[in-house]
Amino acid sequence: MDLGLKDKVAIVAGASKGLGYAVALGLAREGAKVAICSRDRERIEAAGANIAQQTGADVFAAAVDVTQREDVTRFVRQVADRFGGIDILVTNAGGPPSGGFDDFNEQDWRNAVELNFMSALHMIYNCVPFMRQRGGGRIITITSSAVKEPIDGLTLSNTVRLAVVGLTKTLS
């Protein structure tokens, strides 16, 4: 299948395993230059090597804490410098802890917002200028089916992931 992604530059967050890895692999198979990140250096480097070996794609893998704006800014600049710009951004992060409303304190809520909302905001905020330089781009936010129907016991995820959807819809 040819999706017209040859030589496009794609960033995929949370790509050491799961959905993020699968998306990065798919983009690489379509000919995109792929930059992947996650917190775990060993896992993300292994994922990058595996994607490059399977596809022959140019893959840049880096350990990045997407809850830290400075880490994201540094990573996005490295990607733009290496590949000459950014065309596609896929935001993706693991979920916050499960539990009911009474199970969490204010810091738990702040951590969930940092992990799921602010990480997406940091990525989007840093990538959009590079996308504009290339005449536009695509932003894909991976969240959860909980944005359509709340899942029992996932109070933090049900709440915070809706903010990501709200941001994405507002930008589109």
N, C-alpha and C. Protein backbone atom coordinates (compact mmCIF):
# COMPACT_ATOMS: atom_id res chain seq x y z
N MET A 1 0.85 -1.17 0.00
CA MET A 1 0.00 0.00 0.00
C MET A 1 0.89 1.24 0.00
N ASP A 2 0.54 2.25 -0.77
CA ASP A 2 1.30 3.49 -0.79
C ASP A 2 0.43 4.61 -0.25
N LEU A 3 0.76 5.06 0.94
CA LEU A 3 0.00 6.14 1.58
C LEU A 3 0.61 7.51 1.32
N GLY A 4 1.62 7.57 0.47
CA GLY A 4 2.25 8.85 0.15
C GLY A 4 3.11 9.39 1.28
N LEU A 5 3.71 8.50 2.05
CA LEU A 5 4.50 8.93 3.21
C LEU A 5 6.00 8.86 2.97
N LYS A 6 6.42 8.49 1.75
CA LYS A 6 7.84 8.36 1.47
C LYS A 6 8.55 9.68 1.77
N ASP A 7 9.58 9.58 2.60
CA ASP A 7 10.43 10.70 3.01
C ASP A 7 9.74 11.73 3.90
N LYS A 8 8.52 11.47 4.33
CA LYS A 8 7.89 12.32 5.34
C LYS A 8 8.60 12.06 6.66
N VAL A 9 8.61 13.05 7.52
CA VAL A 9 9.26 12.92 8.83
C VAL A 9 8.19 12.79 9.89
N ALA A 10 8.24 11.69 10.63
CA ALA A 10 7.22 11.41 11.65
C ALA A 10 7.85 11.23 13.02
N ILE A 11 7.25 11.85 14.01
CA ILE A 11 7.60 11.64 15.41
C ILE A 11 6.51 10.79 16.03
N VAL A 12 6.90 9.76 16.75
CA VAL A 12 5.95 8.92 17.47
C VAL A 12 6.42 8.81 18.92
N ALA A 13 5.59 9.29 19.84
CA ALA A 13 5.91 9.21 21.27
C ALA A 13 5.42 7.88 21.84
N GLY A 14 6.04 7.47 22.92
CA GLY A 14 5.65 6.22 23.57
C GLY A 14 5.78 5.03 22.64
N ALA A 15 6.89 4.97 21.90
CA ALA A 15 7.01 4.00 20.81
C ALA A 15 7.91 2.81 21.12
N SER A 16 8.22 2.58 22.37
CA SER A 16 9.08 1.44 22.68
C SER A 16 8.32 0.12 22.64
N LYS A 17 6.98 0.19 22.70
CA LYS A 17 6.15 -1.02 22.67
C LYS A 17 4.71 -0.62 22.34
N GLY A 18 3.86 -1.60 22.19
CA GLY A 18 2.43 -1.38 22.04
C GLY A 18 2.03 -0.58 20.82
N LEU A 19 1.00 0.24 20.98
CA LEU A 19 0.46 1.03 19.86
C LEU A 19 1.50 1.97 19.26
N GLY A 20 2.27 2.62 20.09
CA GLY A 20 3.29 3.54 19.58
C GLY A 20 4.29 2.83 18.69
N TYR A 21 4.75 1.68 19.12
CA TYR A 21 5.69 0.90 18.32
C TYR A 21 5.05 0.48 17.00
N ALA A 22 3.83 -0.01 17.07
CA ALA A 22 3.13 -0.47 15.86
C ALA A 22 2.94 0.67 14.87
N VAL A 23 2.60 1.85 15.36
CA VAL A 23 2.43 3.01 14.48
C VAL A 23 3.76 3.38 13.84
N ALA A 24 4.82 3.44 14.64
CA ALA A 24 6.14 3.79 14.10
C ALA A 24 6.59 2.78 13.05
N LEU A 25 6.37 1.51 13.31
CA LEU A 25 6.73 0.47 12.35
C LEU A 25 5.93 0.65 11.06
N GLY A 26 4.65 0.91 11.17
CA GLY A 26 3.81 1.12 9.99
C GLY A 26 4.25 2.33 9.17
N LEU A 27 4.57 3.42 9.85
CA LEU A 27 5.05 4.61 9.14
C LEU A 27 6.37 4.33 8.43
N ALA A 28 7.26 3.62 9.10
CA ALA A 28 8.55 3.27 8.49
C ALA A 28 8.35 2.37 7.27
N ARG A 29 7.42 1.44 7.37
CA ARG A 29 7.14 0.56 6.23
C ARG A 29 6.62 1.34 5.03
N GLU A 30 5.99 2.46 5.29
CA GLU A 30 5.47 3.31 4.21
C GLU A 30 6.52 4.29 3.69
N GLY A 31 7.74 4.22 4.22
CA GLY A 31 8.83 5.04 3.71
C GLY A 31 9.10 6.31 4.48
N ALA A 32 8.42 6.51 5.60
CA ALA A 32 8.67 7.70 6.41
C ALA A 32 9.98 7.58 7.16
N LYS A 33 10.59 8.71 7.42
CA LYS A 33 11.72 8.80 8.34
C LYS A 33 11.09 8.94 9.72
N VAL A 34 11.49 8.10 10.65
CA VAL A 34 10.77 8.00 11.92
C VAL A 34 11.68 8.36 13.09
N ALA A 35 11.15 9.21 13.97
CA ALA A 35 11.80 9.53 15.24
C ALA A 35 10.90 9.03 16.34
N ILE A 36 11.45 8.20 17.21
CA ILE A 36 10.65 7.60 18.28
C ILE A 36 11.25 7.94 19.64
N CYS A 37 10.37 7.98 20.63
CA CYS A 37 10.86 8.26 21.97
C CYS A 37 10.03 7.53 23.02
N SER A 38 10.65 7.33 24.15
CA SER A 38 9.99 6.85 25.37
C SER A 38 10.98 7.11 26.51
N ARG A 39 10.54 6.88 27.72
CA ARG A 39 11.41 7.15 28.87
C ARG A 39 12.56 6.15 28.99
N ASP A 40 12.35 4.94 28.57
CA ASP A 40 13.31 3.86 28.78
C ASP A 40 14.32 3.80 27.63
N ARG A 41 15.53 4.25 27.89
CA ARG A 41 16.57 4.33 26.84
C ARG A 41 16.83 2.97 26.19
N GLU A 42 17.00 1.95 26.99
CA GLU A 42 17.32 0.63 26.45
C GLU A 42 16.21 0.12 25.53
N ARG A 43 14.98 0.24 25.98
CA ARG A 43 13.84 -0.25 25.18
C ARG A 43 13.65 0.55 23.90
N ILE A 44 13.79 1.89 23.97
CA ILE A 44 13.54 2.69 22.78
C ILE A 44 14.66 2.49 21.75
N GLU A 45 15.89 2.32 22.22
CA GLU A 45 16.98 2.05 21.28
C GLU A 45 16.80 0.69 20.61
N ALA A 46 16.34 -0.30 21.37
CA ALA A 46 16.07 -1.62 20.80
C ALA A 46 14.92 -1.54 19.79
N ALA A 47 13.89 -0.78 20.13
CA ALA A 47 12.76 -0.62 19.21
C ALA A 47 13.21 0.06 17.92
N GLY A 48 14.03 1.10 18.05
CA GLY A 48 14.53 1.80 16.87
C GLY A 48 15.36 0.89 15.98
N ALA A 49 16.24 0.11 16.59
CA ALA A 49 17.07 -0.81 15.82
C ALA A 49 16.21 -1.86 15.13
N ASN A 50 15.19 -2.34 15.81
CA ASN A 50 14.31 -3.35 15.23
C ASN A 50 13.53 -2.78 14.04
N ILE A 51 13.00 -1.57 14.19
CA ILE A 51 12.25 -0.94 13.09
C ILE A 51 13.17 -0.71 11.90
N ALA A 52 14.37 -0.20 12.14
CA ALA A 52 15.32 0.05 11.05
C ALA A 52 15.69 -1.26 10.35
N GLN A 53 15.90 -2.31 11.13
CA GLN A 53 16.29 -3.60 10.56
C GLN A 53 15.16 -4.19 9.72
N GLN A 54 13.93 -4.06 10.20
CA GLN A 54 12.78 -4.63 9.48
C GLN A 54 12.42 -3.86 8.22
N THR A 55 12.68 -2.55 8.23
CA THR A 55 12.17 -1.71 7.14
C THR A 55 13.24 -1.03 6.30
N GLY A 56 14.45 -0.93 6.82
CA GLY A 56 15.48 -0.17 6.14
C GLY A 56 15.32 1.33 6.30
N ALA A 57 14.38 1.74 7.13
CA ALA A 57 14.09 3.17 7.32
C ALA A 57 15.16 3.85 8.16
N ASP A 58 15.24 5.15 8.00
CA ASP A 58 16.09 5.99 8.83
C ASP A 58 15.31 6.25 10.12
N VAL A 59 15.79 5.72 11.24
CA VAL A 59 15.09 5.82 12.52
C VAL A 59 15.98 6.50 13.54
N PHE A 60 15.44 7.49 14.21
CA PHE A 60 16.12 8.16 15.32
C PHE A 60 15.37 7.82 16.59
N ALA A 61 16.04 7.19 17.54
CA ALA A 61 15.41 6.78 18.80
C ALA A 61 16.09 7.51 19.95
N ALA A 62 15.27 8.05 20.86
CA ALA A 62 15.83 8.79 21.99
C ALA A 62 14.98 8.58 23.24
N ALA A 63 15.67 8.57 24.38
CA ALA A 63 14.98 8.53 25.67
C ALA A 63 14.51 9.95 25.98
N VAL A 64 13.21 10.11 26.15
CA VAL A 64 12.62 11.42 26.41
C VAL A 64 11.52 11.26 27.46
N ASP A 65 11.52 12.14 28.45
CA ASP A 65 10.41 12.20 29.40
C ASP A 65 9.46 13.26 28.86
N VAL A 66 8.37 12.83 28.24
CA VAL A 66 7.46 13.77 27.57
C VAL A 66 6.70 14.66 28.54
N THR A 67 6.80 14.39 29.84
CA THR A 67 6.17 15.29 30.81
C THR A 67 7.06 16.49 31.09
N GLN A 68 8.29 16.46 30.59
CA GLN A 68 9.25 17.54 30.81
C GLN A 68 9.40 18.35 29.53
N ARG A 69 8.91 19.58 29.55
CA ARG A 69 8.92 20.43 28.37
C ARG A 69 10.31 20.55 27.75
N GLU A 70 11.33 20.72 28.58
CA GLU A 70 12.69 20.89 28.07
C GLU A 70 13.16 19.65 27.32
N ASP A 71 12.82 18.47 27.83
CA ASP A 71 13.19 17.23 27.14
C ASP A 71 12.53 17.16 25.77
N VAL A 72 11.25 17.52 25.71
CA VAL A 72 10.51 17.48 24.45
C VAL A 72 11.09 18.49 23.47
N THR A 73 11.35 19.71 23.94
CA THR A 73 11.92 20.75 23.08
C THR A 73 13.24 20.28 22.47
N ARG A 74 14.09 19.71 23.29
CA ARG A 74 15.39 19.22 22.82
C ARG A 74 15.21 18.12 21.77
N PHE A 75 14.34 17.18 22.06
CA PHE A 75 14.09 16.06 21.14
C PHE A 75 13.55 16.55 19.80
N VAL A 76 12.55 17.41 19.82
CA VAL A 76 11.95 17.91 18.58
C VAL A 76 12.98 18.66 17.76
N ARG A 77 13.81 19.46 18.39
CA ARG A 77 14.87 20.17 17.66
C ARG A 77 15.87 19.19 17.04
N GLN A 78 16.21 18.14 17.78
CA GLN A 78 17.12 17.13 17.24
C GLN A 78 16.52 16.46 16.01
N VAL A 79 15.24 16.16 16.07
CA VAL A 79 14.56 15.53 14.94
C VAL A 79 14.57 16.47 13.73
N ALA A 80 14.18 17.72 13.95
CA ALA A 80 14.13 18.69 12.85
C ALA A 80 15.51 18.90 12.25
N ASP A 81 16.53 18.97 13.09
CA ASP A 81 17.90 19.15 12.59
C ASP A 81 18.36 17.93 11.79
N ARG A 82 18.05 16.77 12.28
CA ARG A 82 18.50 15.53 11.61
C ARG A 82 17.79 15.30 10.29
N PHE A 83 16.47 15.51 10.28
CA PHE A 83 15.67 15.16 9.10
C PHE A 83 15.23 16.36 8.26
N GLY A 84 15.48 17.58 8.73
CA GLY A 84 15.14 18.75 7.95
C GLY A 84 13.73 19.28 8.15
N GLY A 85 13.02 18.78 9.13
CA GLY A 85 11.66 19.27 9.40
C GLY A 85 10.83 18.19 10.06
N ILE A 86 9.54 18.47 10.20
CA ILE A 86 8.60 17.52 10.79
C ILE A 86 7.29 17.61 10.02
N ASP A 87 6.75 16.46 9.63
CA ASP A 87 5.49 16.40 8.90
C ASP A 87 4.35 15.77 9.70
N ILE A 88 4.69 14.81 10.54
CA ILE A 88 3.68 14.01 11.24
C ILE A 88 4.07 13.90 12.71
N LEU A 89 3.10 14.09 13.58
CA LEU A 89 3.30 13.88 15.01
C LEU A 89 2.23 12.92 15.52
N VAL A 90 2.67 11.90 16.22
CA VAL A 90 1.75 10.97 16.88
C VAL A 90 2.03 11.04 18.37
N THR A 91 1.08 11.63 19.12
CA THR A 91 1.24 11.67 20.57
C THR A 91 0.65 10.40 21.15
N ASN A 92 1.30 9.89 22.19
CA ASN A 92 0.91 8.62 22.77
C ASN A 92 1.60 8.52 24.12
N ALA A 93 0.86 8.16 25.14
CA ALA A 93 1.45 7.98 26.47
C ALA A 93 0.67 6.91 27.21
N GLY A 94 1.34 6.26 28.13
CA GLY A 94 0.67 5.26 28.95
C GLY A 94 -0.40 5.89 29.81
N GLY A 95 -1.15 5.05 30.45
CA GLY A 95 -2.25 5.55 31.27
C GLY A 95 -1.85 5.79 32.71
N PRO A 96 -2.59 6.68 33.36
CA PRO A 96 -2.39 6.90 34.79
C PRO A 96 -2.94 5.71 35.58
N PRO A 97 -2.70 5.65 36.88
CA PRO A 97 -3.19 4.52 37.68
C PRO A 97 -4.71 4.40 37.64
N SER A 98 -5.18 3.19 37.81
CA SER A 98 -6.63 2.97 37.88
C SER A 98 -7.12 3.24 39.29
N GLY A 99 -8.42 3.48 39.40
CA GLY A 99 -9.04 3.72 40.69
C GLY A 99 -10.24 4.63 40.56
N GLY A 100 -10.98 4.73 41.65
CA GLY A 100 -12.15 5.60 41.69
C GLY A 100 -11.78 7.00 42.16
N PHE A 101 -12.73 7.89 42.10
CA PHE A 101 -12.51 9.30 42.44
C PHE A 101 -11.86 9.46 43.81
N ASP A 102 -12.35 8.76 44.80
CA ASP A 102 -11.85 8.89 46.18
C ASP A 102 -10.47 8.28 46.40
N ASP A 103 -9.96 7.59 45.41
CA ASP A 103 -8.65 6.94 45.54
C ASP A 103 -7.48 7.88 45.26
N PHE A 104 -7.76 9.08 44.77
CA PHE A 104 -6.69 9.96 44.31
C PHE A 104 -6.65 11.28 45.06
N ASN A 105 -5.43 11.77 45.25
CA ASN A 105 -5.25 13.10 45.83
C ASN A 105 -4.91 14.09 44.73
N GLU A 106 -4.71 15.32 45.11
CA GLU A 106 -4.46 16.37 44.11
C GLU A 106 -3.20 16.09 43.30
N GLN A 107 -2.17 15.56 43.93
CA GLN A 107 -0.93 15.26 43.20
C GLN A 107 -1.14 14.17 42.16
N ASP A 108 -1.97 13.19 42.47
CA ASP A 108 -2.29 12.15 41.49
C ASP A 108 -2.93 12.76 40.25
N TRP A 109 -3.83 13.72 40.47
CA TRP A 109 -4.48 14.41 39.34
C TRP A 109 -3.46 15.20 38.53
N ARG A 110 -2.56 15.89 39.22
CA ARG A 110 -1.52 16.66 38.52
C ARG A 110 -0.62 15.74 37.69
N ASN A 111 -0.26 14.61 38.27
CA ASN A 111 0.58 13.65 37.54
C ASN A 111 -0.13 13.12 36.30
N ALA A 112 -1.42 12.85 36.41
CA ALA A 112 -2.19 12.37 35.26
C ALA A 112 -2.27 13.43 34.17
N VAL A 113 -2.48 14.67 34.57
CA VAL A 113 -2.52 15.77 33.60
C VAL A 113 -1.16 15.91 32.91
N GLU A 114 -0.08 15.82 33.67
CA GLU A 114 1.26 15.90 33.08
C GLU A 114 1.51 14.77 32.09
N LEU A 115 1.15 13.55 32.49
CA LEU A 115 1.41 12.38 31.66
C LEU A 115 0.59 12.38 30.38
N ASN A 116 -0.68 12.65 30.48
CA ASN A 116 -1.54 12.48 29.31
C ASN A 116 -1.87 13.76 28.57
N PHE A 117 -2.04 14.87 29.25
CA PHE A 117 -2.39 16.11 28.55
C PHE A 117 -1.17 16.96 28.24
N MET A 118 -0.40 17.29 29.26
CA MET A 118 0.73 18.20 29.04
C MET A 118 1.77 17.59 28.10
N SER A 119 1.93 16.27 28.14
CA SER A 119 2.88 15.64 27.22
C SER A 119 2.46 15.88 25.77
N ALA A 120 1.17 15.73 25.50
CA ALA A 120 0.66 15.99 24.14
C ALA A 120 0.83 17.46 23.79
N LEU A 121 0.51 18.34 24.74
CA LEU A 121 0.64 19.78 24.50
C LEU A 121 2.09 20.15 24.21
N HIS A 122 3.04 19.61 25.00
CA HIS A 122 4.46 19.90 24.76
C HIS A 122 4.87 19.46 23.36
N MET A 123 4.47 18.29 22.96
CA MET A 123 4.82 17.79 21.62
C MET A 123 4.21 18.66 20.53
N ILE A 124 2.93 18.94 20.65
CA ILE A 124 2.24 19.74 19.64
C ILE A 124 2.84 21.13 19.56
N TYR A 125 3.01 21.76 20.70
CA TYR A 125 3.55 23.12 20.75
C TYR A 125 4.91 23.20 20.06
N ASN A 126 5.75 22.20 20.26
CA ASN A 126 7.09 22.21 19.68
C ASN A 126 7.12 21.80 18.21
N CYS A 127 6.19 20.96 17.77
CA CYS A 127 6.20 20.47 16.39
C CYS A 127 5.53 21.41 15.40
N VAL A 128 4.49 22.11 15.83
CA VAL A 128 3.71 22.94 14.91
C VAL A 128 4.56 23.95 14.15
N PRO A 129 5.50 24.67 14.78
CA PRO A 129 6.31 25.61 13.98
C PRO A 129 7.06 24.94 12.83
N PHE A 130 7.58 23.74 13.06
CA PHE A 130 8.29 23.02 12.01
C PHE A 130 7.32 22.54 10.92
N MET A 131 6.12 22.17 11.31
CA MET A 131 5.10 21.78 10.33
C MET A 131 4.71 22.98 9.47
N ARG A 132 4.55 24.12 10.09
CA ARG A 132 4.19 25.33 9.33
C ARG A 132 5.27 25.67 8.31
N GLN A 133 6.53 25.48 8.67
CA GLN A 133 7.63 25.75 7.74
C GLN A 133 7.53 24.89 6.49
N ARG A 134 6.90 23.72 6.62
CA ARG A 134 6.76 22.80 5.48
C ARG A 134 5.39 22.90 4.83
N GLY A 135 4.61 23.89 5.22
CA GLY A 135 3.30 24.09 4.61
C GLY A 135 2.18 23.31 5.26
N GLY A 136 2.44 22.71 6.41
CA GLY A 136 1.40 21.98 7.13
C GLY A 136 1.92 20.64 7.61
N GLY A 137 1.07 19.94 8.31
CA GLY A 137 1.45 18.63 8.84
C GLY A 137 0.23 17.92 9.38
N ARG A 138 0.46 16.80 10.01
CA ARG A 138 -0.61 15.99 10.58
C ARG A 138 -0.30 15.69 12.03
N ILE A 139 -1.29 15.87 12.89
CA ILE A 139 -1.16 15.55 14.31
C ILE A 139 -2.19 14.48 14.64
N ILE A 140 -1.71 13.38 15.17
CA ILE A 140 -2.57 12.26 15.55
C ILE A 140 -2.37 12.04 17.04
N THR A 141 -3.46 12.07 17.79
CA THR A 141 -3.36 11.85 19.23
C THR A 141 -4.00 10.51 19.57
N ILE A 142 -3.21 9.62 20.13
CA ILE A 142 -3.72 8.33 20.58
C ILE A 142 -4.17 8.50 22.02
N THR A 143 -5.43 8.17 22.29
CA THR A 143 -5.95 8.32 23.65
C THR A 143 -6.49 6.98 24.13
N SER A 144 -7.80 6.83 24.16
CA SER A 144 -8.43 5.63 24.70
C SER A 144 -9.88 5.59 24.25
N SER A 145 -10.44 4.41 24.21
CA SER A 145 -11.88 4.30 23.93
C SER A 145 -12.69 4.96 25.04
N ALA A 146 -12.06 5.24 26.17
CA ALA A 146 -12.74 5.89 27.29
C ALA A 146 -13.19 7.31 26.95
N VAL A 147 -12.68 7.88 25.87
CA VAL A 147 -13.12 9.22 25.49
C VAL A 147 -14.53 9.19 24.91
N LYS A 148 -14.98 8.02 24.50
CA LYS A 148 -16.35 7.86 24.00
C LYS A 148 -17.28 7.33 25.07
N GLU A 149 -16.77 6.43 25.89
CA GLU A 149 -17.58 5.82 26.96
C GLU A 149 -16.66 5.57 28.16
N PRO A 150 -16.88 6.28 29.27
CA PRO A 150 -16.01 6.10 30.44
C PRO A 150 -15.93 4.63 30.86
N ILE A 151 -14.76 4.23 31.32
CA ILE A 151 -14.51 2.87 31.76
C ILE A 151 -14.45 2.88 33.29
N ASP A 152 -15.23 2.01 33.92
CA ASP A 152 -15.23 1.92 35.38
C ASP A 152 -13.82 1.72 35.91
N GLY A 153 -13.49 2.45 36.96
CA GLY A 153 -12.19 2.30 37.61
C GLY A 153 -11.06 3.05 36.95
N LEU A 154 -11.34 3.80 35.90
CA LEU A 154 -10.29 4.58 35.22
C LEU A 154 -10.60 6.07 35.30
N THR A 155 -10.87 6.54 36.49
CA THR A 155 -11.28 7.93 36.70
C THR A 155 -10.30 8.93 36.11
N LEU A 156 -9.02 8.77 36.40
CA LEU A 156 -8.03 9.72 35.89
C LEU A 156 -7.96 9.68 34.36
N SER A 157 -7.85 8.50 33.81
CA SER A 157 -7.75 8.35 32.36
C SER A 157 -9.00 8.87 31.66
N ASN A 158 -10.17 8.49 32.17
CA ASN A 158 -11.43 8.95 31.57
C ASN A 158 -11.49 10.46 31.49
N THR A 159 -10.99 11.12 32.49
CA THR A 159 -11.08 12.58 32.59
C THR A 159 -10.02 13.28 31.75
N VAL A 160 -8.77 12.91 31.96
CA VAL A 160 -7.66 13.64 31.35
C VAL A 160 -7.57 13.41 29.84
N ARG A 161 -7.87 12.22 29.38
CA ARG A 161 -7.76 11.96 27.94
C ARG A 161 -8.79 12.76 27.14
N LEU A 162 -9.90 13.11 27.76
CA LEU A 162 -10.86 13.98 27.08
C LEU A 162 -10.27 15.36 26.80
N ALA A 163 -9.39 15.82 27.67
CA ALA A 163 -8.72 17.11 27.43
C ALA A 163 -7.86 17.04 26.17
N VAL A 164 -7.21 15.90 25.95
CA VAL A 164 -6.39 15.72 24.74
C VAL A 164 -7.28 15.79 23.50
N VAL A 165 -8.42 15.13 23.56
CA VAL A 165 -9.37 15.17 22.44
C VAL A 165 -9.86 16.60 22.21
N GLY A 166 -10.16 17.31 23.29
CA GLY A 166 -10.59 18.70 23.15
C GLY A 166 -9.55 19.56 22.48
N LEU A 167 -8.29 19.39 22.86
CA LEU A 167 -7.20 20.14 22.24
C LEU A 167 -7.09 19.79 20.76
N THR A 168 -7.13 18.51 20.46
CA THR A 168 -7.00 18.07 19.07
C THR A 168 -8.13 18.61 18.20
N LYS A 169 -9.35 18.53 18.69
CA LYS A 169 -10.49 19.06 17.93
C LYS A 169 -10.38 20.56 17.74
N THR A 170 -9.93 21.25 18.77
CA THR A 170 -9.78 22.70 18.68
C THR A 170 -8.76 23.09 17.62
N LEU A 171 -7.67 22.34 17.55
CA LEU A 171 -6.62 22.64 16.57
C LEU A 171 -7.01 22.26 15.15
N SER A 172 -7.92 21.30 15.01
CA SER A 172 -8.28 20.86 13.66
C SER A 172 -9.24 21.81 13.06
